[in-house]
C-alpha atoms as a PDB file:
ATOM      1  CA  UNK A   1       0.000   0.000   0.000  1.00  0.00           C
ATOM      2  CA  UNK A   2       1.301   3.410  -0.976  1.00  0.00           C
ATOM      3  CA  UNK A   3       0.434   6.588   0.949  1.00  0.00           C
ATOM      4  CA  UNK A   4       1.060   9.946  -0.722  1.00  0.00           C
ATOM      5  CA  UNK A   5       0.627  13.273   1.054  1.00  0.00           C
ATOM      6  CA  UNK A   6      -0.213  16.188  -1.148  1.00  0.00           C
ATOM      7  CA  UNK A   7      -0.081  19.892  -0.416  1.00  0.00           C
ATOM      8  CA  UNK A   8      -2.878  22.154  -1.565  1.00  0.00           C
ATOM      9  CA  UNK A   9      -5.823  24.260  -0.520  1.00  0.00           C
ATOM     10  CA  UNK A  10      -8.924  22.262   0.338  1.00  0.00           C
ATOM     11  CA  UNK A  11     -11.167  23.854  -2.266  1.00  0.00           C
ATOM     12  CA  UNK A  12     -13.159  22.326  -5.142  1.00  0.00           C
ATOM     13  CA  UNK A  13     -12.622  23.290  -8.747  1.00  0.00           C
ATOM     14  CA  UNK A  14     -14.674  26.185  -9.964  1.00  0.00           C
ATOM     15  CA  UNK A  15     -14.747  29.943  -9.583  1.00  0.00           C
ATOM     16  CA  UNK A  16     -13.902  31.482  -6.247  1.00  0.00           C
ATOM     17  CA  UNK A  17     -16.768  33.249  -4.459  1.00  0.00           C
ATOM     18  CA  UNK A  18     -17.230  36.837  -5.537  1.00  0.00           C
ATOM     19  CA  UNK A  19     -17.088  39.740  -3.091  1.00  0.00           C
ATOM     20  CA  UNK A  20     -20.854  40.179  -3.440  1.00  0.00           C
ATOM     21  CA  UNK A  21     -21.482  36.525  -2.618  1.00  0.00           C
ATOM     22  CA  UNK A  22     -19.200  36.665   0.413  1.00  0.00           C
ATOM     23  CA  UNK A  23     -20.764  39.887   1.700  1.00  0.00           C
ATOM     24  CA  UNK A  24     -24.271  38.448   1.301  1.00  0.00           C
ATOM     25  CA  UNK A  25     -23.448  35.128   2.922  1.00  0.00           C
ATOM     26  CA  UNK A  26     -24.349  36.430   6.399  1.00  0.00           C
ATOM     27  CA  UNK A  27     -27.345  38.597   5.485  1.00  0.00           C
ATOM     28  CA  UNK A  28     -30.251  37.771   7.776  1.00  0.00           C
ATOM     29  CA  UNK A  29     -33.335  36.730   5.727  1.00  0.00           C
ATOM     30  CA  UNK A  30     -36.573  38.592   6.384  1.00  0.00           C
ATOM     31  CA  UNK A  31     -38.281  35.513   7.852  1.00  0.00           C
ATOM     32  CA  UNK A  32     -35.505  34.987  10.434  1.00  0.00           C
ATOM     33  CA  UNK A  33     -36.311  37.018  13.527  1.00  0.00           C
ATOM     34  CA  UNK A  34     -33.468  38.458  15.565  1.00  0.00           C
ATOM     35  CA  UNK A  35     -33.483  37.062  19.114  1.00  0.00           C
ATOM     36  CA  UNK A  36     -33.162  39.823  21.706  1.00  0.00           C
ATOM     37  CA  UNK A  37     -31.545  37.553  24.311  1.00  0.00           C
ATOM     38  CA  UNK A  38     -30.106  34.527  22.509  1.00  0.00           C
ATOM     39  CA  UNK A  39     -29.477  31.473  24.653  1.00  0.00           C
ATOM     40  CA  UNK A  40     -26.084  29.798  24.652  1.00  0.00           C
ATOM     41  CA  UNK A  41     -25.499  26.053  24.971  1.00  0.00           C
ATOM     42  CA  UNK A  42     -23.906  24.477  28.013  1.00  0.00           C
ATOM     43  CA  UNK A  43     -21.739  22.367  25.723  1.00  0.00           C
ATOM     44  CA  UNK A  44     -18.511  23.647  24.216  1.00  0.00           C
ATOM     45  CA  UNK A  45     -18.918  25.104  20.712  1.00  0.00           C
ATOM     46  CA  UNK A  46     -15.990  25.099  18.273  1.00  0.00           C
ATOM     47  CA  UNK A  47     -16.327  27.156  15.080  1.00  0.00           C
ATOM     48  CA  UNK A  48     -14.275  26.552  11.946  1.00  0.00           C
ATOM     49  CA  UNK A  49     -14.611  28.789   8.892  1.00  0.00           C
ATOM     50  CA  UNK A  50     -12.912  27.491   5.764  1.00  0.00           C
ATOM     51  CA  UNK A  51     -11.996  30.701   3.973  1.00  0.00           C
ATOM     52  CA  UNK A  52     -14.876  32.253   5.922  1.00  0.00           C
ATOM     53  CA  UNK A  53     -14.705  34.910   8.653  1.00  0.00           C
ATOM     54  CA  UNK A  54     -17.588  34.188  11.040  1.00  0.00           C
ATOM     55  CA  UNK A  55     -19.112  37.375  12.530  1.00  0.00           C
ATOM     56  CA  UNK A  56     -20.140  37.552  16.180  1.00  0.00           C
ATOM     57  CA  UNK A  57     -23.837  38.094  15.433  1.00  0.00           C
ATOM     58  CA  UNK A  58     -23.931  34.807  13.523  1.00  0.00           C
ATOM     59  CA  UNK A  59     -22.166  32.954  16.339  1.00  0.00           C
ATOM     60  CA  UNK A  60     -24.887  34.163  18.721  1.00  0.00           C
ATOM     61  CA  UNK A  61     -27.558  32.997  16.284  1.00  0.00           C
ATOM     62  CA  UNK A  62     -25.994  29.544  15.932  1.00  0.00           C
ATOM     63  CA  UNK A  63     -25.449  29.287  19.685  1.00  0.00           C
ATOM     64  CA  UNK A  64     -29.139  29.931  20.287  1.00  0.00           C
ATOM     65  CA  UNK A  65     -30.033  27.154  17.832  1.00  0.00           C
ATOM     66  CA  UNK A  66     -27.656  24.712  19.488  1.00  0.00           C
ATOM     67  CA  UNK A  67     -28.931  25.557  22.965  1.00  0.00           C
ATOM     68  CA  UNK A  68     -32.431  24.561  21.840  1.00  0.00           C
ATOM     69  CA  UNK A  69     -31.099  21.240  20.566  1.00  0.00           C
ATOM     70  CA  UNK A  70     -29.461  20.293  23.866  1.00  0.00           C
ATOM     71  CA  UNK A  71     -32.804  19.305  25.372  1.00  0.00           C
ATOM     72  CA  UNK A  72     -32.936  16.340  22.995  1.00  0.00           C
ATOM     73  CA  UNK A  73     -29.717  14.937  24.495  1.00  0.00           C
ATOM     74  CA  UNK A  74     -28.358  16.469  27.728  1.00  0.00           C
ATOM     75  CA  UNK A  75     -25.192  14.367  27.376  1.00  0.00           C
ATOM     76  CA  UNK A  76     -23.860  16.550  24.536  1.00  0.00           C
ATOM     77  CA  UNK A  77     -20.453  17.900  25.538  1.00  0.00           C
ATOM     78  CA  UNK A  78     -19.258  19.528  22.339  1.00  0.00           C
ATOM     79  CA  UNK A  79     -20.614  21.019  19.119  1.00  0.00           C
ATOM     80  CA  UNK A  80     -18.354  21.443  16.094  1.00  0.00           C
ATOM     81  CA  UNK A  81     -19.596  23.949  13.507  1.00  0.00           C
ATOM     82  CA  UNK A  82     -17.942  24.213  10.076  1.00  0.00           C
ATOM     83  CA  UNK A  83     -18.799  26.869   7.469  1.00  0.00           C
ATOM     84  CA  UNK A  84     -17.555  27.082   3.884  1.00  0.00           C
ATOM     85  CA  UNK A  85     -18.473  28.156   0.356  1.00  0.00           C
ATOM     86  CA  UNK A  86     -19.302  25.547  -2.273  1.00  0.00           C
ATOM     87  CA  UNK A  87     -19.997  25.807  -6.027  1.00  0.00           C
ATOM     88  CA  UNK A  88     -23.645  25.324  -6.974  1.00  0.00           C
ATOM     89  CA  UNK A  89     -23.847  23.934 -10.486  1.00  0.00           C
ATOM     90  CA  UNK A  90     -27.581  24.510 -10.830  1.00  0.00           C
ATOM     91  CA  UNK A  91     -27.498  28.158  -9.815  1.00  0.00           C
ATOM     92  CA  UNK A  92     -24.059  28.903 -11.276  1.00  0.00           C
ATOM     93  CA  UNK A  93     -22.984  30.586  -8.059  1.00  0.00           C
ATOM     94  CA  UNK A  94     -21.649  29.794  -4.606  1.00  0.00           C
ATOM     95  CA  UNK A  95     -23.782  27.993  -2.040  1.00  0.00           C
ATOM     96  CA  UNK A  96     -23.126  28.358   1.681  1.00  0.00           C
ATOM     97  CA  UNK A  97     -22.626  25.118   3.611  1.00  0.00           C
ATOM     98  CA  UNK A  98     -22.986  24.499   7.354  1.00  0.00           C
ATOM     99  CA  UNK A  99     -21.876  21.261   9.021  1.00  0.00           C
ATOM    100  CA  UNK A 100     -22.640  20.548  12.688  1.00  0.00           C
ATOM    101  CA  UNK A 101     -21.300  17.620  14.707  1.00  0.00           C
ATOM    102  CA  UNK A 102     -22.668  16.856  18.175  1.00  0.00           C
ATOM    103  CA  UNK A 103     -20.425  14.752  20.414  1.00  0.00           C
ATOM    104  CA  UNK A 104     -22.283  13.002  23.207  1.00  0.00           C
ATOM    105  CA  UNK A 105     -22.646   9.672  24.985  1.00  0.00           C
ATOM    106  CA  UNK A 106     -23.080   7.042  22.294  1.00  0.00           C
ATOM    107  CA  UNK A 107     -23.320   7.857  18.596  1.00  0.00           C
ATOM    108  CA  UNK A 108     -21.664  10.914  17.120  1.00  0.00           C
ATOM    109  CA  UNK A 109     -24.476  12.861  15.460  1.00  0.00           C
ATOM    110  CA  UNK A 110     -23.663  14.893  12.357  1.00  0.00           C
ATOM    111  CA  UNK A 111     -25.714  16.898   9.859  1.00  0.00           C
ATOM    112  CA  UNK A 112     -24.949  19.099   6.854  1.00  0.00           C
ATOM    113  CA  UNK A 113     -27.022  21.516   4.777  1.00  0.00           C
ATOM    114  CA  UNK A 114     -26.471  24.202   2.148  1.00  0.00           C
ATOM    115  CA  UNK A 115     -28.409  27.335   1.248  1.00  0.00           C
ATOM    116  CA  UNK A 116     -28.196  30.680  -0.472  1.00  0.00           C
ATOM    117  CA  UNK A 117     -26.774  32.130   2.760  1.00  0.00           C
ATOM    118  CA  UNK A 118     -25.495  30.767   6.046  1.00  0.00           C
ATOM    119  CA  UNK A 119     -28.723  31.611   7.880  1.00  0.00           C
ATOM    120  CA  UNK A 120     -30.795  29.499   5.482  1.00  0.00           C
ATOM    121  CA  UNK A 121     -28.285  26.647   5.726  1.00  0.00           C
ATOM    122  CA  UNK A 122     -28.366  26.801   9.538  1.00  0.00           C
ATOM    123  CA  UNK A 123     -32.168  26.569   9.577  1.00  0.00           C
ATOM    124  CA  UNK A 124     -31.962  23.381   7.509  1.00  0.00           C
ATOM    125  CA  UNK A 125     -29.091  21.814   9.420  1.00  0.00           C
ATOM    126  CA  UNK A 126     -30.814  22.478  12.769  1.00  0.00           C
ATOM    127  CA  UNK A 127     -33.908  20.595  11.572  1.00  0.00           C
ATOM    128  CA  UNK A 128     -31.779  17.673  10.393  1.00  0.00           C
ATOM    129  CA  UNK A 129     -29.794  17.579  13.615  1.00  0.00           C
ATOM    130  CA  UNK A 130     -32.961  17.625  15.705  1.00  0.00           C
ATOM    131  CA  UNK A 131     -34.255  14.536  13.885  1.00  0.00           C
ATOM    132  CA  UNK A 132     -30.896  12.829  14.276  1.00  0.00           C
ATOM    133  CA  UNK A 133     -30.728  13.564  18.008  1.00  0.00           C
ATOM    134  CA  UNK A 134     -34.279  12.385  18.632  1.00  0.00           C
ATOM    135  CA  UNK A 135     -33.601   9.219  16.716  1.00  0.00           C
ATOM    136  CA  UNK A 136     -30.317   8.561  18.531  1.00  0.00           C
ATOM    137  CA  UNK A 137     -32.018   9.223  21.875  1.00  0.00           C
ATOM    138  CA  UNK A 138     -34.768   6.751  20.986  1.00  0.00           C
ATOM    139  CA  UNK A 139     -32.151   4.133  20.132  1.00  0.00           C
ATOM    140  CA  UNK A 140     -30.391   4.614  23.469  1.00  0.00           C
ATOM    141  CA  UNK A 141     -33.671   4.520  25.393  1.00  0.00           C
ATOM    142  CA  UNK A 142     -34.848   1.332  23.714  1.00  0.00           C
ATOM    143  CA  UNK A 143     -31.479  -0.345  24.218  1.00  0.00           C
ATOM    144  CA  UNK A 144     -31.479   0.654  27.884  1.00  0.00           C
ATOM    145  CA  UNK A 145     -35.046  -0.398  28.727  1.00  0.00           C
ATOM    146  CA  UNK A 146     -36.000  -2.720  26.076  1.00  0.00           C
ATOM    147  CA  UNK A 147     -35.739  -6.059  24.910  1.00  0.00           C
ATOM    148  CA  UNK A 148     -32.279  -6.849  26.381  1.00  0.00           C
ATOM    149  CA  UNK A 149     -28.802  -7.659  25.163  1.00  0.00           C
ATOM    150  CA  UNK A 150     -28.247  -8.871  21.562  1.00  0.00           C
ATOM    151  CA  UNK A 151     -28.452 -12.644  21.047  1.00  0.00           C
ATOM    152  CA  UNK A 152     -25.315 -14.302  19.699  1.00  0.00           C
ATOM    153  CA  UNK A 153     -25.388 -16.498  16.596  1.00  0.00           C
ATOM    154  CA  UNK A 154     -24.730 -19.598  18.696  1.00  0.00           C
ATOM    155  CA  UNK A 155     -27.647 -18.805  20.997  1.00  0.00           C
ATOM    156  CA  UNK A 156     -29.984 -17.994  18.140  1.00  0.00           C
ATOM    157  CA  UNK A 157     -29.235 -21.277  16.305  1.00  0.00           C
ATOM    158  CA  UNK A 158     -29.132 -23.527  19.382  1.00  0.00           C
ATOM    159  CA  UNK A 159     -31.750 -26.330  19.502  1.00  0.00           C
ATOM    160  CA  UNK A 160     -34.841 -25.246  21.359  1.00  0.00           C
ATOM    161  CA  UNK A 161     -34.020 -21.557  21.127  1.00  0.00           C
ATOM    162  CA  UNK A 162     -37.089 -19.467  21.918  1.00  0.00           C
ATOM    163  CA  UNK A 163     -38.122 -16.153  20.459  1.00  0.00           C
ATOM    164  CA  UNK A 164     -39.158 -13.581  23.048  1.00  0.00           C
ATOM    165  CA  UNK A 165     -42.503 -11.863  22.786  1.00  0.00           C
ATOM    166  CA  UNK A 166     -42.232  -8.529  20.995  1.00  0.00           C
ATOM    167  CA  UNK A 167     -42.065  -5.446  23.208  1.00  0.00           C
ATOM    168  CA  UNK A 168     -44.750  -2.719  22.864  1.00  0.00           C
ATOM    169  CA  UNK A 169     -42.282  -0.625  20.864  1.00  0.00           C
ATOM    170  CA  UNK A 170     -39.327  -2.305  19.241  1.00  0.00           C
ATOM    171  CA  UNK A 171     -36.105  -0.594  18.239  1.00  0.00           C
ATOM    172  CA  UNK A 172     -37.097  -0.658  14.561  1.00  0.00           C
ATOM    173  CA  UNK A 173     -40.453   0.953  15.348  1.00  0.00           C
ATOM    174  CA  UNK A 174     -38.825   3.687  17.422  1.00  0.00           C
ATOM    175  CA  UNK A 175     -36.281   4.370  14.687  1.00  0.00           C
ATOM    176  CA  UNK A 176     -38.961   4.496  11.999  1.00  0.00           C
ATOM    177  CA  UNK A 177     -40.679   7.390  13.760  1.00  0.00           C
ATOM    178  CA  UNK A 178     -37.570   9.543  13.437  1.00  0.00           C
ATOM    179  CA  UNK A 179     -36.008   8.026  10.325  1.00  0.00           C
ATOM    180  CA  UNK A 180     -34.674  10.724   8.010  1.00  0.00           C
ATOM    181  CA  UNK A 181     -32.756   8.338   5.791  1.00  0.00           C
ATOM    182  CA  UNK A 182     -29.343   9.073   7.349  1.00  0.00           C
ATOM    183  CA  UNK A 183     -27.505   6.435   9.337  1.00  0.00           C
ATOM    184  CA  UNK A 184     -25.758   7.739  12.486  1.00  0.00           C
ATOM    185  CA  UNK A 185     -22.265   6.501  13.267  1.00  0.00           C
ATOM    186  CA  UNK A 186     -21.936   4.042  16.151  1.00  0.00           C
ATOM    187  CA  UNK A 187     -18.482   2.828  17.232  1.00  0.00           C
ATOM    188  CA  UNK A 188     -17.715  -0.820  16.620  1.00  0.00           C
ATOM    189  CA  UNK A 189     -20.586  -1.580  14.246  1.00  0.00           C
ATOM    190  CA  UNK A 190     -21.022  -1.753  10.481  1.00  0.00           C
ATOM    191  CA  UNK A 191     -24.142   0.394  10.148  1.00  0.00           C
ATOM    192  CA  UNK A 192     -24.119   0.948   6.402  1.00  0.00           C
ATOM    193  CA  UNK A 193     -22.843  -0.779   3.265  1.00  0.00           C
ATOM    194  CA  UNK A 194     -22.667   1.162   0.016  1.00  0.00           C
ATOM    195  CA  UNK A 195     -21.652  -0.041  -3.452  1.00  0.00           C
ATOM    196  CA  UNK A 196     -19.437   2.490  -5.207  1.00  0.00           C
ATOM    197  CA  UNK A 197     -19.051   2.571  -9.009  1.00  0.00           C
ATOM    198  CA  UNK A 198     -15.419   2.081 -10.053  1.00  0.00           C
ATOM    199  CA  UNK A 199     -15.238   5.030 -12.430  1.00  0.00           C
ATOM    200  CA  UNK A 200     -11.670   5.689 -13.642  1.00  0.00           C
ATOM    201  CA  UNK A 201     -10.624   9.271 -12.893  1.00  0.00           C
ATOM    202  CA  UNK A 202      -7.565  11.351 -12.113  1.00  0.00           C
ATOM    203  CA  UNK A 203      -6.518  12.376  -8.616  1.00  0.00           C
ATOM    204  CA  UNK A 204      -7.605  15.958  -9.311  1.00  0.00           C
ATOM    205  CA  UNK A 205     -11.045  14.770 -10.412  1.00  0.00           C
ATOM    206  CA  UNK A 206     -11.335  12.656  -7.252  1.00  0.00           C
ATOM    207  CA  UNK A 207     -10.466  15.672  -5.074  1.00  0.00           C
ATOM    208  CA  UNK A 208     -13.117  17.698  -6.863  1.00  0.00           C
ATOM    209  CA  UNK A 209     -15.755  14.996  -6.334  1.00  0.00           C
ATOM    210  CA  UNK A 210     -14.791  14.702  -2.651  1.00  0.00           C
ATOM    211  CA  UNK A 211     -15.266  18.431  -2.097  1.00  0.00           C
ATOM    212  CA  UNK A 212     -18.489  18.390  -4.112  1.00  0.00           C
ATOM    213  CA  UNK A 213     -20.142  15.830  -1.813  1.00  0.00           C
ATOM    214  CA  UNK A 214     -18.577  17.372   1.317  1.00  0.00           C
ATOM    215  CA  UNK A 215     -16.959  14.186   2.609  1.00  0.00           C
ATOM    216  CA  UNK A 216     -13.534  13.764   4.221  1.00  0.00           C
ATOM    217  CA  UNK A 217     -12.496  11.014   1.790  1.00  0.00           C
ATOM    218  CA  UNK A 218     -13.350   9.692  -1.664  1.00  0.00           C
ATOM    219  CA  UNK A 219     -12.860   6.188  -3.106  1.00  0.00           C
ATOM    220  CA  UNK A 220     -12.056   5.931  -6.814  1.00  0.00           C
ATOM    221  CA  UNK A 221     -10.233   3.975  -9.532  1.00  0.00           C
ATOM    222  CA  UNK A 222      -7.026   5.819 -10.397  1.00  0.00           C
ATOM    223  CA  UNK A 223      -6.995   6.408 -14.151  1.00  0.00           C
ATOM    224  CA  UNK A 224      -3.200   6.597 -14.305  1.00  0.00           C
ATOM    225  CA  UNK A 225      -2.329   3.493 -12.261  1.00  0.00           C
ATOM    226  CA  UNK A 226      -5.606   1.528 -12.617  1.00  0.00           C
ATOM    227  CA  UNK A 227      -5.480   0.891  -8.850  1.00  0.00           C
ATOM    228  CA  UNK A 228      -8.225   1.355  -6.248  1.00  0.00           C
ATOM    229  CA  UNK A 229      -7.306   4.548  -4.410  1.00  0.00           C
ATOM    230  CA  UNK A 230      -8.609   6.913  -1.746  1.00  0.00           C
ATOM    231  CA  UNK A 231      -8.050  10.649  -1.391  1.00  0.00           C
ATOM    232  CA  UNK A 232      -8.658  12.163   2.018  1.00  0.00           C
ATOM    233  CA  UNK A 233      -8.335  15.399   3.973  1.00  0.00           C
ATOM    234  CA  UNK A 234      -5.443  15.979   6.324  1.00  0.00           C
ATOM    235  CA  UNK A 235      -4.677  18.758   8.766  1.00  0.00           C
ATOM    236  CA  UNK A 236      -3.572  22.218   7.606  1.00  0.00           C
ATOM    237  CA  UNK A 237      -5.675  22.032   4.429  1.00  0.00           C
ATOM    238  CA  UNK A 238      -3.569  19.273   2.867  1.00  0.00           C
ATOM    239  CA  UNK A 239      -4.658  16.077   1.132  1.00  0.00           C
ATOM    240  CA  UNK A 240      -3.572  12.449   1.356  1.00  0.00           C
ATOM    241  CA  UNK A 241      -3.710   9.689  -1.258  1.00  0.00           C
ATOM    242  CA  UNK A 242      -3.804   5.954  -0.470  1.00  0.00           C
ATOM    243  CA  UNK A 243      -3.291   3.353  -3.193  1.00  0.00           C
ATOM    244  CA  UNK A 244      -3.512  -0.427  -2.993  1.00  0.00           C
ATOM    245  CA  UNK A 245      -0.227  -2.037  -4.035  1.00  0.00           C
END
């Protein structure tokens, strides 16, 4: 296996945001009311602007949103908020992206949304995060109170194995009520399997696709070496490249 570290700014291909787009990124929409006394979360909040200077009034707005989300999981100890510009192919201009990660007991809950400005994106990401937190909380509650520890394969296939009566609300039923189609990450478990088309492309094209979908890595078939490869983000706005030998 070969690992290659590559210098470079973590930005997708496409035009850089114009001054007008940057200046309008933090304009408060008419439907968003200014809170006279915004609440602030008890959890630590870490802001990261990728080529974005985050003004204080927006930090207060985001803090108020996060404080309202804490009631869905009091165990949250840290919020990580990332803001950046992203090309929008449909509108031929820059979209504003907000990513929020909530670190708490159990699953790490993460949501991302984009909009014409950072306020609109925050409205969307707060709704997504609320659904994620409620769903994760339901999973923890069911696992704590309900039907018991998982049954091993040996126990399930043993002669005379019995099937317990179903509980009033199973884990699947609780999850279905808050299912938004996004699988939360849980340590130690394979929670999602995805088939990825092996489309030959260059490293530059893979970096562009990675930034386009907003992920921290991207799996692809290297056009030059014909090897399965992965590009990924490193610290200090650098990239890494992993190839199978």
